[in-house]
PDB file of N, CA and C in Angstrom:
ATOM      1  N   MET A   1    -114.866   9.468-105.737  1.00  0.00           N
ATOM      2  CA  MET A   1    -114.076   8.693-107.251  1.00  0.00           C
ATOM      3  C   MET A   1    -113.441   7.555-106.840  1.00  0.00           C
ATOM      4  N   CYS A   2    -113.315   6.799-107.604  1.00  0.00           N
ATOM      5  CA  CYS A   2    -113.159   5.552-107.720  1.00  0.00           C
ATOM      6  C   CYS A   2    -111.266   5.203-108.114  1.00  0.00           C
ATOM      7  N   ILE A   3    -110.716   4.404-107.650  1.00  0.00           N
ATOM      8  CA  ILE A   3    -109.267   5.004-108.024  1.00  0.00           C
ATOM      9  C   ILE A   3    -108.817   4.060-109.397  1.00  0.00           C
ATOM     10  N   PHE A   4    -109.973   3.854-110.437  1.00  0.00           N
ATOM     11  CA  PHE A   4    -109.944   4.247-111.495  1.00  0.00           C
ATOM     12  C   PHE A   4    -109.797   5.227-112.344  1.00  0.00           C
ATOM     13  N   CYS A   5    -110.684   5.898-111.909  1.00  0.00           N
ATOM     14  CA  CYS A   5    -111.279   7.369-112.442  1.00  0.00           C
ATOM     15  C   CYS A   5    -110.335   8.692-111.907  1.00  0.00           C
ATOM     16  N   LYS A   6    -109.431   8.275-110.428  1.00  0.00           N
ATOM     17  CA  LYS A   6    -108.040   8.979-110.369  1.00  0.00           C
ATOM     18  C   LYS A   6    -107.189   8.332-111.156  1.00  0.00           C
ATOM     19  N   MET A   7    -106.928   7.142-111.448  1.00  0.00           N
ATOM     20  CA  MET A   7    -105.726   7.095-112.232  1.00  0.00           C
ATOM     21  C   MET A   7    -105.795   7.737-114.165  1.00  0.00           C
ATOM     22  N   ILE A   8    -107.436   7.688-114.709  1.00  0.00           N
ATOM     23  CA  ILE A   8    -107.401   8.325-115.497  1.00  0.00           C
ATOM     24  C   ILE A   8    -106.802   9.750-115.874  1.00  0.00           C
ATOM     25  N   LYS A   9    -107.089  10.443-114.357  1.00  0.00           N
ATOM     26  CA  LYS A   9    -107.264  11.902-114.405  1.00  0.00           C
ATOM     27  C   LYS A   9    -106.033  11.856-114.371  1.00  0.00           C
ATOM     28  N   GLY A  10    -104.280  11.071-113.925  1.00  0.00           N
ATOM     29  CA  GLY A  10    -103.131  11.274-113.806  1.00  0.00           C
ATOM     30  C   GLY A  10    -103.099  11.615-112.192  1.00  0.00           C
ATOM     31  N   GLU A  11    -103.858  11.412-111.264  1.00  0.00           N
ATOM     32  CA  GLU A  11    -103.822  11.722-109.810  1.00  0.00           C
ATOM     33  C   GLU A  11    -102.580  10.696-109.424  1.00  0.00           C
ATOM     34  N   ILE A  12    -103.424   9.257-110.095  1.00  0.00           N
ATOM     35  CA  ILE A  12    -102.171   7.941-108.987  1.00  0.00           C
ATOM     36  C   ILE A  12    -101.305   7.498-110.861  1.00  0.00           C
ATOM     37  N   PRO A  13    -100.283   7.602-110.637  1.00  0.00           N
ATOM     38  CA  PRO A  13     -99.323   7.001-111.640  1.00  0.00           C
ATOM     39  C   PRO A  13     -99.300   5.740-111.893  1.00  0.00           C
ATOM     40  N   ILE A  14     -99.462   5.523-113.532  1.00  0.00           N
ATOM     41  CA  ILE A  14     -99.860   4.207-114.343  1.00  0.00           C
ATOM     42  C   ILE A  14     -98.851   3.734-114.766  1.00  0.00           C
ATOM     43  N   ASP A  15     -98.264   2.407-115.496  1.00  0.00           N
ATOM     44  CA  ASP A  15     -97.855   2.217-116.753  1.00  0.00           C
ATOM     45  C   ASP A  15     -98.501   1.800-117.868  1.00  0.00           C
ATOM     46  N   ILE A  16     -98.743   3.255-118.413  1.00  0.00           N
ATOM     47  CA  ILE A  16     -99.768   2.999-119.915  1.00  0.00           C
ATOM     48  C   ILE A  16     -99.225   2.229-120.973  1.00  0.00           C
ATOM     49  N   VAL A  17    -100.188   1.319-121.355  1.00  0.00           N
ATOM     50  CA  VAL A  17     -99.697   0.510-122.692  1.00  0.00           C
ATOM     51  C   VAL A  17    -100.112   0.985-124.105  1.00  0.00           C
ATOM     52  N   HIS A  18    -101.502   1.517-123.560  1.00  0.00           N
ATOM     53  CA  HIS A  18    -101.999   2.146-124.830  1.00  0.00           C
ATOM     54  C   HIS A  18    -103.217   2.678-124.916  1.00  0.00           C
ATOM     55  N   GLU A  19    -103.765   4.001-125.301  1.00  0.00           N
ATOM     56  CA  GLU A  19    -104.969   5.140-124.649  1.00  0.00           C
ATOM     57  C   GLU A  19    -105.547   5.019-126.222  1.00  0.00           C
ATOM     58  N   ASN A  20    -106.495   5.941-125.411  1.00  0.00           N
ATOM     59  CA  ASN A  20    -107.253   6.429-126.821  1.00  0.00           C
ATOM     60  C   ASN A  20    -108.204   7.540-126.111  1.00  0.00           C
ATOM     61  N   GLU A  21    -108.937   8.243-126.503  1.00  0.00           N
ATOM     62  CA  GLU A  21    -110.105   9.058-126.078  1.00  0.00           C
ATOM     63  C   GLU A  21    -110.984   8.615-125.297  1.00  0.00           C
ATOM     64  N   ASN A  22    -111.548   7.672-125.211  1.00  0.00           N
ATOM     65  CA  ASN A  22    -112.587   6.814-124.386  1.00  0.00           C
ATOM     66  C   ASN A  22    -112.168   5.691-124.139  1.00  0.00           C
ATOM     67  N   PHE A  23    -110.885   5.061-124.001  1.00  0.00           N
ATOM     68  CA  PHE A  23    -110.281   3.548-123.095  1.00  0.00           C
ATOM     69  C   PHE A  23    -109.014   3.692-122.954  1.00  0.00           C
ATOM     70  N   LEU A  24    -108.833   3.136-121.718  1.00  0.00           N
ATOM     71  CA  LEU A  24    -107.110   2.930-120.990  1.00  0.00           C
ATOM     72  C   LEU A  24    -106.960   1.592-120.802  1.00  0.00           C
ATOM     73  N   ALA A  25    -105.375   1.328-121.330  1.00  0.00           N
ATOM     74  CA  ALA A  25    -105.033   0.022-120.831  1.00  0.00           C
ATOM     75  C   ALA A  25    -103.262   0.117-119.895  1.00  0.00           C
ATOM     76  N   PHE A  26    -103.603  -0.465-118.995  1.00  0.00           N
ATOM     77  CA  PHE A  26    -102.334  -0.308-118.460  1.00  0.00           C
ATOM     78  C   PHE A  26    -101.939  -1.253-117.279  1.00  0.00           C
ATOM     79  N   HIS A  27    -100.564  -1.225-116.825  1.00  0.00           N
ATOM     80  CA  HIS A  27    -100.212  -2.870-116.136  1.00  0.00           C
ATOM     81  C   HIS A  27    -100.541  -3.072-114.873  1.00  0.00           C
ATOM     82  N   ASP A  28    -101.177  -4.512-114.723  1.00  0.00           N
ATOM     83  CA  ASP A  28    -101.418  -4.229-113.414  1.00  0.00           C
ATOM     84  C   ASP A  28    -100.367  -4.529-112.095  1.00  0.00           C
ATOM     85  N   ILE A  29    -100.263  -3.950-110.717  1.00  0.00           N
ATOM     86  CA  ILE A  29     -99.440  -3.627-110.039  1.00  0.00           C
ATOM     87  C   ILE A  29     -99.213  -4.916-109.376  1.00  0.00           C
ATOM     88  N   TYR A  30    -100.378  -5.462-109.906  1.00  0.00           N
ATOM     89  CA  TYR A  30    -100.211  -7.145-108.567  1.00  0.00           C
ATOM     90  C   TYR A  30    -100.028  -8.419-110.397  1.00  0.00           C
ATOM     91  N   PRO A  31     -99.401  -8.308-111.114  1.00  0.00           N
ATOM     92  CA  PRO A  31     -99.612  -9.477-112.125  1.00  0.00           C
ATOM     93  C   PRO A  31    -100.093 -11.476-111.623  1.00  0.00           C
ATOM     94  N   LYS A  32    -100.903 -11.892-112.332  1.00  0.00           N
ATOM     95  CA  LYS A  32    -101.152 -13.006-112.076  1.00  0.00           C
ATOM     96  C   LYS A  32    -100.345 -13.554-113.600  1.00  0.00           C
ATOM     97  N   ALA A  33    -100.108 -13.049-114.240  1.00  0.00           N
ATOM     98  CA  ALA A  33     -99.342 -14.143-115.551  1.00  0.00           C
ATOM     99  C   ALA A  33     -98.274 -13.191-115.808  1.00  0.00           C
ATOM    100  N   PRO A  34     -97.199 -13.285-116.656  1.00  0.00           N
ATOM    101  CA  PRO A  34     -96.190 -12.975-117.252  1.00  0.00           C
ATOM    102  C   PRO A  34     -97.089 -11.153-118.127  1.00  0.00           C
ATOM    103  N   VAL A  35     -97.872 -11.334-118.863  1.00  0.00           N
ATOM    104  CA  VAL A  35     -98.532  -9.709-119.065  1.00  0.00           C
ATOM    105  C   VAL A  35     -99.820  -9.995-118.624  1.00  0.00           C
ATOM    106  N   HIS A  36     -99.956  -9.160-117.629  1.00  0.00           N
ATOM    107  CA  HIS A  36    -101.367  -8.439-116.572  1.00  0.00           C
ATOM    108  C   HIS A  36    -102.010  -7.286-117.220  1.00  0.00           C
ATOM    109  N   ILE A  37    -102.706  -6.733-117.734  1.00  0.00           N
ATOM    110  CA  ILE A  37    -102.797  -5.705-118.261  1.00  0.00           C
ATOM    111  C   ILE A  37    -104.423  -5.327-117.899  1.00  0.00           C
ATOM    112  N   LEU A  38    -104.794  -4.221-117.238  1.00  0.00           N
ATOM    113  CA  LEU A  38    -106.169  -3.920-117.080  1.00  0.00           C
ATOM    114  C   LEU A  38    -106.425  -2.918-118.323  1.00  0.00           C
ATOM    115  N   ILE A  39    -107.957  -2.881-118.364  1.00  0.00           N
ATOM    116  CA  ILE A  39    -108.579  -2.538-119.709  1.00  0.00           C
ATOM    117  C   ILE A  39    -109.492  -1.932-119.001  1.00  0.00           C
ATOM    118  N   ILE A  40    -110.054  -0.227-119.332  1.00  0.00           N
ATOM    119  CA  ILE A  40    -110.863  -0.276-118.870  1.00  0.00           C
ATOM    120  C   ILE A  40    -111.242   1.138-119.913  1.00  0.00           C
ATOM    121  N   PRO A  41    -112.974   1.750-119.717  1.00  0.00           N
ATOM    122  CA  PRO A  41    -113.351   2.693-120.327  1.00  0.00           C
ATOM    123  C   PRO A  41    -112.873   3.907-119.556  1.00  0.00           C
ATOM    124  N   LYS A  42    -113.042   5.216-119.851  1.00  0.00           N
ATOM    125  CA  LYS A  42    -112.837   6.180-119.775  1.00  0.00           C
ATOM    126  C   LYS A  42    -114.133   6.687-118.532  1.00  0.00           C
ATOM    127  N   ALA A  43    -114.928   6.348-118.989  1.00  0.00           N
ATOM    128  CA  ALA A  43    -116.403   6.750-118.412  1.00  0.00           C
ATOM    129  C   ALA A  43    -116.975   5.915-117.315  1.00  0.00           C
ATOM    130  N   HIS A  44    -116.862   6.518-116.279  1.00  0.00           N
ATOM    131  CA  HIS A  44    -117.127   5.696-114.798  1.00  0.00           C
ATOM    132  C   HIS A  44    -118.331   4.911-115.290  1.00  0.00           C
ATOM    133  N   ILE A  45    -118.370   3.266-115.610  1.00  0.00           N
ATOM    134  CA  ILE A  45    -119.165   2.558-115.991  1.00  0.00           C
ATOM    135  C   ILE A  45    -119.013   1.811-114.466  1.00  0.00           C
ATOM    136  N   SER A  46    -119.834   1.551-113.677  1.00  0.00           N
ATOM    137  CA  SER A  46    -119.343   0.371-112.646  1.00  0.00           C
ATOM    138  C   SER A  46    -119.484  -0.812-112.548  1.00  0.00           C
ATOM    139  N   CYS A  47    -120.500  -1.653-113.658  1.00  0.00           N
ATOM    140  CA  CYS A  47    -119.624  -3.156-113.896  1.00  0.00           C
ATOM    141  C   CYS A  47    -120.708  -3.287-115.168  1.00  0.00           C
ATOM    142  N   PHE A  48    -119.862  -4.616-116.014  1.00  0.00           N
ATOM    143  CA  PHE A  48    -120.391  -5.152-116.661  1.00  0.00           C
ATOM    144  C   PHE A  48    -121.750  -5.276-117.501  1.00  0.00           C
ATOM    145  N   GLN A  49    -122.934  -5.029-116.323  1.00  0.00           N
ATOM    146  CA  GLN A  49    -124.160  -4.582-116.199  1.00  0.00           C
ATOM    147  C   GLN A  49    -124.822  -3.776-116.851  1.00  0.00           C
ATOM    148  N   GLU A  50    -123.961  -2.901-116.320  1.00  0.00           N
ATOM    149  CA  GLU A  50    -124.348  -1.543-116.697  1.00  0.00           C
ATOM    150  C   GLU A  50    -123.956  -1.011-118.218  1.00  0.00           C
ATOM    151  N   VAL A  51    -123.117  -1.620-118.618  1.00  0.00           N
ATOM    152  CA  VAL A  51    -122.323  -0.946-119.956  1.00  0.00           C
ATOM    153  C   VAL A  51    -123.313  -1.163-121.311  1.00  0.00           C
ATOM    154  N   SER A  52    -122.920  -0.277-122.176  1.00  0.00           N
ATOM    155  CA  SER A  52    -123.908  -0.690-123.734  1.00  0.00           C
ATOM    156  C   SER A  52    -123.058  -1.223-124.373  1.00  0.00           C
ATOM    157  N   PRO A  53    -124.288  -1.602-125.600  1.00  0.00           N
ATOM    158  CA  PRO A  53    -123.383  -2.501-126.732  1.00  0.00           C
ATOM    159  C   PRO A  53    -122.159  -1.520-127.070  1.00  0.00           C
ATOM    160  N   GLU A  54    -122.577  -0.066-127.331  1.00  0.00           N
ATOM    161  CA  GLU A  54    -122.233   0.756-127.821  1.00  0.00           C
ATOM    162  C   GLU A  54    -120.897   1.155-127.628  1.00  0.00           C
ATOM    163  N   THR A  55    -120.604   1.002-126.109  1.00  0.00           N
ATOM    164  CA  THR A  55    -118.959   0.615-125.928  1.00  0.00           C
ATOM    165  C   THR A  55    -118.816  -0.116-125.576  1.00  0.00           C
ATOM    166  N   MET A  56    -119.100  -1.565-125.338  1.00  0.00           N
ATOM    167  CA  MET A  56    -118.273  -2.064-125.588  1.00  0.00           C
ATOM    168  C   MET A  56    -118.213  -3.099-126.755  1.00  0.00           C
ATOM    169  N   ALA A  57    -118.552  -2.288-127.846  1.00  0.00           N
ATOM    170  CA  ALA A  57    -118.172  -2.136-129.621  1.00  0.00           C
ATOM    171  C   ALA A  57    -116.593  -1.789-129.433  1.00  0.00           C
ATOM    172  N   GLY A  58    -116.493  -0.108-128.853  1.00  0.00           N
ATOM    173  CA  GLY A  58    -115.195   0.249-128.812  1.00  0.00           C
ATOM    174  C   GLY A  58    -114.388  -0.498-127.850  1.00  0.00           C
ATOM    175  N   LEU A  59    -115.195  -0.725-127.215  1.00  0.00           N
ATOM    176  CA  LEU A  59    -114.077  -1.528-126.455  1.00  0.00           C
ATOM    177  C   LEU A  59    -113.323  -2.991-126.913  1.00  0.00           C
ATOM    178  N   THR A  60    -113.839  -3.602-127.427  1.00  0.00           N
ATOM    179  CA  THR A  60    -113.679  -4.838-128.390  1.00  0.00           C
ATOM    180  C   THR A  60    -112.488  -4.192-129.228  1.00  0.00           C
ATOM    181  N   ALA A  61    -112.843  -3.931-129.911  1.00  0.00           N
ATOM    182  CA  ALA A  61    -111.477  -3.053-130.575  1.00  0.00           C
ATOM    183  C   ALA A  61    -110.502  -1.924-130.135  1.00  0.00           C
ATOM    184  N   PHE A  62    -110.560  -1.505-128.976  1.00  0.00           N
ATOM    185  CA  PHE A  62    -109.136  -1.996-128.412  1.00  0.00           C
ATOM    186  C   PHE A  62    -108.890  -2.240-128.036  1.00  0.00           C
ATOM    187  N   THR A  63    -109.642  -3.206-127.066  1.00  0.00           N
ATOM    188  CA  THR A  63    -108.683  -4.626-126.099  1.00  0.00           C
ATOM    189  C   THR A  63    -107.942  -5.020-127.687  1.00  0.00           C
ATOM    190  N   GLN A  64    -108.857  -5.256-128.984  1.00  0.00           N
ATOM    191  CA  GLN A  64    -107.545  -6.136-130.190  1.00  0.00           C
ATOM    192  C   GLN A  64    -106.410  -5.498-130.187  1.00  0.00           C
ATOM    193  N   GLU A  65    -106.866  -4.017-130.329  1.00  0.00           N
ATOM    194  CA  GLU A  65    -105.338  -3.248-130.700  1.00  0.00           C
ATOM    195  C   GLU A  65    -104.368  -3.405-129.428  1.00  0.00           C
ATOM    196  N   VAL A  66    -104.861  -3.627-128.281  1.00  0.00           N
ATOM    197  CA  VAL A  66    -103.893  -4.093-127.223  1.00  0.00           C
ATOM    198  C   VAL A  66    -103.182  -5.305-127.144  1.00  0.00           C
ATOM    199  N   THR A  67    -104.240  -6.316-127.396  1.00  0.00           N
ATOM    200  CA  THR A  67    -103.570  -7.794-127.764  1.00  0.00           C
ATOM    201  C   THR A  67    -102.503  -7.476-128.753  1.00  0.00           C
ATOM    202  N   THR A  68    -102.791  -6.722-129.958  1.00  0.00           N
ATOM    203  CA  THR A  68    -101.750  -6.363-131.196  1.00  0.00           C
ATOM    204  C   THR A  68    -100.595  -6.243-130.782  1.00  0.00           C
ATOM    205  N   LYS A  69    -100.491  -5.066-130.332  1.00  0.00           N
ATOM    206  CA  LYS A  69     -99.734  -4.605-129.382  1.00  0.00           C
ATOM    207  C   LYS A  69     -98.846  -5.365-128.351  1.00  0.00           C
ATOM    208  N   MET A  70     -99.257  -6.007-127.825  1.00  0.00           N
ATOM    209  CA  MET A  70     -98.457  -6.983-126.890  1.00  0.00           C
ATOM    210  C   MET A  70     -97.663  -8.037-127.582  1.00  0.00           C
ATOM    211  N   GLY A  71     -98.692  -8.599-128.916  1.00  0.00           N
ATOM    212  CA  GLY A  71     -97.963  -9.989-129.265  1.00  0.00           C
ATOM    213  C   GLY A  71     -98.727 -10.667-128.955  1.00  0.00           C
ATOM    214  N   LEU A  72     -99.934 -10.522-128.272  1.00  0.00           N
ATOM    215  CA  LEU A  72    -100.955 -11.568-127.494  1.00  0.00           C
ATOM    216  C   LEU A  72    -101.946 -12.338-128.744  1.00  0.00           C
ATOM    217  N   ASP A  73    -101.904 -11.287-129.822  1.00  0.00           N
ATOM    218  CA  ASP A  73    -102.918 -11.862-130.831  1.00  0.00           C
ATOM    219  C   ASP A  73    -102.504 -13.305-131.304  1.00  0.00           C
ATOM    220  N   GLU A  74    -101.275 -13.693-131.779  1.00  0.00           N
ATOM    221  CA  GLU A  74    -100.792 -14.417-132.205  1.00  0.00           C
ATOM    222  C   GLU A  74    -101.184 -16.045-131.169  1.00  0.00           C
ATOM    223  N   THR A  75    -100.435 -15.430-129.779  1.00  0.00           N
ATOM    224  CA  THR A  75    -100.194 -16.369-128.759  1.00  0.00           C
ATOM    225  C   THR A  75    -101.502 -17.191-128.410  1.00  0.00           C
ATOM    226  N   GLY A  76    -102.163 -16.244-128.062  1.00  0.00           N
ATOM    227  CA  GLY A  76    -103.629 -16.485-127.480  1.00  0.00           C
ATOM    228  C   GLY A  76    -103.091 -15.838-125.637  1.00  0.00           C
ATOM    229  N   TYR A  77    -104.700 -15.495-125.208  1.00  0.00           N
ATOM    230  CA  TYR A  77    -104.595 -14.663-124.137  1.00  0.00           C
ATOM    231  C   TYR A  77    -106.344 -14.956-123.255  1.00  0.00           C
ATOM    232  N   ARG A  78    -106.399 -14.532-122.060  1.00  0.00           N
ATOM    233  CA  ARG A  78    -107.319 -14.640-121.187  1.00  0.00           C
ATOM    234  C   ARG A  78    -107.601 -13.442-121.456  1.00  0.00           C
ATOM    235  N   LEU A  79    -109.521 -13.187-121.259  1.00  0.00           N
ATOM    236  CA  LEU A  79    -109.783 -11.676-121.030  1.00  0.00           C
ATOM    237  C   LEU A  79    -110.482 -12.089-120.174  1.00  0.00           C
ATOM    238  N   ILE A  80    -110.705 -11.304-118.581  1.00  0.00           N
ATOM    239  CA  ILE A  80    -111.963 -11.611-117.718  1.00  0.00           C
ATOM    240  C   ILE A  80    -112.146 -10.712-117.459  1.00  0.00           C
ATOM    241  N   THR A  81    -113.644 -10.493-116.832  1.00  0.00           N
ATOM    242  CA  THR A  81    -114.124  -9.615-116.061  1.00  0.00           C
ATOM    243  C   THR A  81    -114.878 -10.116-114.916  1.00  0.00           C
ATOM    244  N   ASN A  82    -114.731  -9.431-113.593  1.00  0.00           N
ATOM    245  CA  ASN A  82    -115.747  -9.878-112.666  1.00  0.00           C
ATOM    246  C   ASN A  82    -116.877  -8.865-112.667  1.00  0.00           C
ATOM    247  N   ASN A  83    -118.013  -9.672-111.982  1.00  0.00           N
ATOM    248  CA  ASN A  83    -119.283  -8.764-112.151  1.00  0.00           C
ATOM    249  C   ASN A  83    -119.764  -8.590-110.554  1.00  0.00           C
ATOM    250  N   GLY A  84    -119.639  -7.686-110.052  1.00  0.00           N
ATOM    251  CA  GLY A  84    -120.931  -8.101-108.448  1.00  0.00           C
ATOM    252  C   GLY A  84    -119.523  -8.734-107.458  1.00  0.00           C
ATOM    253  N   LYS A  85    -120.584  -8.400-106.094  1.00  0.00           N
ATOM    254  CA  LYS A  85    -119.676  -8.870-105.241  1.00  0.00           C
ATOM    255  C   LYS A  85    -119.619 -10.500-105.359  1.00  0.00           C
ATOM    256  N   ASP A  86    -120.197 -11.524-105.519  1.00  0.00           N
ATOM    257  CA  ASP A  86    -119.873 -12.345-105.996  1.00  0.00           C
ATOM    258  C   ASP A  86    -119.391 -13.134-107.039  1.00  0.00           C
ATOM    259  N   GLY A  87    -119.225 -12.383-107.916  1.00  0.00           N
ATOM    260  CA  GLY A  87    -118.630 -12.405-108.894  1.00  0.00           C
ATOM    261  C   GLY A  87    -117.158 -11.729-108.632  1.00  0.00           C
ATOM    262  N   GLY A  88    -116.730 -11.771-107.762  1.00  0.00           N
ATOM    263  CA  GLY A  88    -115.243 -11.037-107.461  1.00  0.00           C
ATOM    264  C   GLY A  88    -114.891  -9.766-107.726  1.00  0.00           C
ATOM    265  N   GLN A  89    -115.614  -8.719-107.693  1.00  0.00           N
ATOM    266  CA  GLN A  89    -115.334  -7.264-108.639  1.00  0.00           C
ATOM    267  C   GLN A  89    -115.252  -6.768-107.261  1.00  0.00           C
ATOM    268  N   GLU A  90    -113.505  -6.053-107.265  1.00  0.00           N
ATOM    269  CA  GLU A  90    -113.254  -5.098-106.065  1.00  0.00           C
ATOM    270  C   GLU A  90    -113.004  -4.002-106.288  1.00  0.00           C
ATOM    271  N   ILE A  91    -113.241  -3.325-107.723  1.00  0.00           N
ATOM    272  CA  ILE A  91    -112.812  -2.116-107.706  1.00  0.00           C
ATOM    273  C   ILE A  91    -114.821  -1.824-108.618  1.00  0.00           C
ATOM    274  N   TYR A  92    -115.217  -1.328-107.846  1.00  0.00           N
ATOM    275  CA  TYR A  92    -116.476  -1.110-108.829  1.00  0.00           C
ATOM    276  C   TYR A  92    -116.368   0.335-110.144  1.00  0.00           C
ATOM    277  N   HIS A  93    -115.702   0.195-111.020  1.00  0.00           N
ATOM    278  CA  HIS A  93    -115.326   0.269-112.422  1.00  0.00           C
ATOM    279  C   HIS A  93    -115.026  -0.362-112.720  1.00  0.00           C
ATOM    280  N   LEU A  94    -115.954  -0.270-114.296  1.00  0.00           N
ATOM    281  CA  LEU A  94    -116.010  -1.775-115.336  1.00  0.00           C
ATOM    282  C   LEU A  94    -113.836  -1.890-115.908  1.00  0.00           C
ATOM    283  N   HIS A  95    -113.977  -3.251-115.467  1.00  0.00           N
ATOM    284  CA  HIS A  95    -112.701  -3.243-116.137  1.00  0.00           C
ATOM    285  C   HIS A  95    -112.186  -4.652-116.615  1.00  0.00           C
ATOM    286  N   PHE A  96    -111.270  -4.828-117.375  1.00  0.00           N
ATOM    287  CA  PHE A  96    -111.275  -6.352-117.970  1.00  0.00           C
ATOM    288  C   PHE A  96    -109.796  -6.422-117.422  1.00  0.00           C
ATOM    289  N   HIS A  97    -109.368  -7.803-117.259  1.00  0.00           N
ATOM    290  CA  HIS A  97    -107.973  -7.996-116.643  1.00  0.00           C
ATOM    291  C   HIS A  97    -107.664  -9.136-118.492  1.00  0.00           C
ATOM    292  N   LEU A  98    -106.363  -8.558-118.869  1.00  0.00           N
ATOM    293  CA  LEU A  98    -106.218  -9.203-119.883  1.00  0.00           C
ATOM    294  C   LEU A  98    -104.345  -9.849-119.467  1.00  0.00           C
ATOM    295  N   LEU A  99    -104.943 -11.441-119.602  1.00  0.00           N
ATOM    296  CA  LEU A  99    -103.574 -11.975-119.080  1.00  0.00           C
ATOM    297  C   LEU A  99    -102.901 -13.028-120.430  1.00  0.00           C
ATOM    298  N   GLY A 100    -101.840 -12.876-120.718  1.00  0.00           N
ATOM    299  CA  GLY A 100    -100.897 -14.096-121.467  1.00  0.00           C
ATOM    300  C   GLY A 100     -99.615 -13.682-120.623  1.00  0.00           C
ATOM    301  N   GLY A 101     -98.701 -14.203-122.168  1.00  0.00           N
ATOM    302  CA  GLY A 101     -97.644 -14.156-121.981  1.00  0.00           C
ATOM    303  C   GLY A 101     -97.184 -15.535-121.849  1.00  0.00           C
ATOM    304  N   GLY A 102     -97.837 -16.621-121.689  1.00  0.00           N
ATOM    305  CA  GLY A 102     -97.029 -17.763-121.379  1.00  0.00           C
ATOM    306  C   GLY A 102     -98.819 -18.913-121.521  1.00  0.00           C
ATOM    307  N   LYS A 103     -98.321 -19.990-121.196  1.00  0.00           N
ATOM    308  CA  LYS A 103     -99.785 -20.984-121.094  1.00  0.00           C
ATOM    309  C   LYS A 103    -100.226 -20.723-119.584  1.00  0.00           C
ATOM    310  N   LEU A 104    -101.352 -20.764-119.753  1.00  0.00           N
ATOM    311  CA  LEU A 104    -102.257 -20.036-118.551  1.00  0.00           C
ATOM    312  C   LEU A 104    -103.004 -21.267-117.993  1.00  0.00           C
ATOM    313  N   LYS A 105    -102.738 -21.670-116.366  1.00  0.00           N
ATOM    314  CA  LYS A 105    -103.306 -22.609-115.860  1.00  0.00           C
ATOM    315  C   LYS A 105    -104.827 -22.493-115.686  1.00  0.00           C
ATOM    316  N   TRP A 106    -105.580 -23.228-116.022  1.00  0.00           N
ATOM    317  CA  TRP A 106    -106.633 -23.353-115.715  1.00  0.00           C
ATOM    318  C   TRP A 106    -108.113 -24.218-114.806  1.00  0.00           C
ATOM    319  N   GLU A 107    -107.947 -24.290-113.658  1.00  0.00           N
ATOM    320  CA  GLU A 107    -108.244 -25.477-112.637  1.00  0.00           C
ATOM    321  C   GLU A 107    -109.366 -26.092-113.045  1.00  0.00           C
ATOM    322  N   TYR A 108    -110.078 -25.063-114.020  1.00  0.00           N
ATOM    323  CA  TYR A 108    -111.472 -26.011-114.775  1.00  0.00           C
ATOM    324  C   TYR A 108    -111.545 -26.470-116.019  1.00  0.00           C
ATOM    325  N   MET A 109    -110.220 -26.183-116.827  1.00  0.00           N
ATOM    326  CA  MET A 109    -110.282 -26.694-117.847  1.00  0.00           C
ATOM    327  C   MET A 109    -110.267 -27.969-117.988  1.00  0.00           C
ATOM    328  N   HIS A 110    -111.237 -28.507-119.384  1.00  0.00           N
ATOM    329  CA  HIS A 110    -111.591 -30.019-119.301  1.00  0.00           C
ATOM    330  C   HIS A 110    -109.991 -30.805-120.372  1.00  0.00           C
ATOM    331  N   GLU A 111    -109.785 -31.629-119.682  1.00  0.00           N
ATOM    332  CA  GLU A 111    -109.043 -32.334-120.514  1.00  0.00           C
ATOM    333  C   GLU A 111    -109.705 -33.695-120.850  1.00  0.00           C
ATOM    334  N   ASP A 112    -109.435 -33.380-122.144  1.00  0.00           N
ATOM    335  CA  ASP A 112    -110.198 -34.810-123.188  1.00  0.00           C
ATOM    336  C   ASP A 112    -109.439 -36.123-122.791  1.00  0.00           C
ATOM    337  N   PRO A 113    -109.648 -37.223-122.393  1.00  0.00           N
ATOM    338  CA  PRO A 113    -109.100 -38.427-121.861  1.00  0.00           C
ATOM    339  C   PRO A 113    -109.053 -39.373-123.133  1.00  0.00           C
ATOM    340  N   HIS A 114    -109.502 -39.028-123.769  1.00  0.00           N
ATOM    341  CA  HIS A 114    -109.614 -39.559-125.284  1.00  0.00           C
ATOM    342  C   HIS A 114    -108.869 -38.982-126.974  1.00  0.00           C
ATOM    343  N   LYS A 115    -108.275 -37.658-126.286  1.00  0.00           N
ATOM    344  CA  LYS A 115    -107.307 -37.018-127.224  1.00  0.00           C
ATOM    345  C   LYS A 115    -106.213 -38.216-127.418  1.00  0.00           C
ATOM    346  N   SER A 116    -105.952 -38.209-128.769  1.00  0.00           N
ATOM    347  CA  SER A 116    -104.779 -38.468-128.889  1.00  0.00           C
ATOM    348  C   SER A 116    -103.308 -37.609-128.914  1.00  0.00           C
ATOM    349  N   ILE A 117    -102.466 -37.816-128.537  1.00  0.00           N
ATOM    350  CA  ILE A 117    -100.928 -37.053-128.322  1.00  0.00           C
ATOM    351  C   ILE A 117    -100.591 -36.742-129.821  1.00  0.00           C
TER     352      ILE A 117
END
């Protein structure tokens, strides 16, 4: 059983942000931003390649609820999932990182040199 499945079953304590019958959102124990929440389906789905469109539709609505609850819907946020070994996935249970709470840096962000201030 994976670590996220143990969390869902209550075997490992977590700081829950939001929950419904199908999904769970909780604070990451190693935050990379002022707000860093993990959002997961309660059903074990190994990775993004295996998720159904129906589950993603539910996950989208749930994620929007979380962003509103955390006040990120107005200020902005980043939503990331890693898929597979080369994509950096470490836990093989589908999960999304919701990052926000301030201006997020992105080393690959394009700055338009012609943009006026």
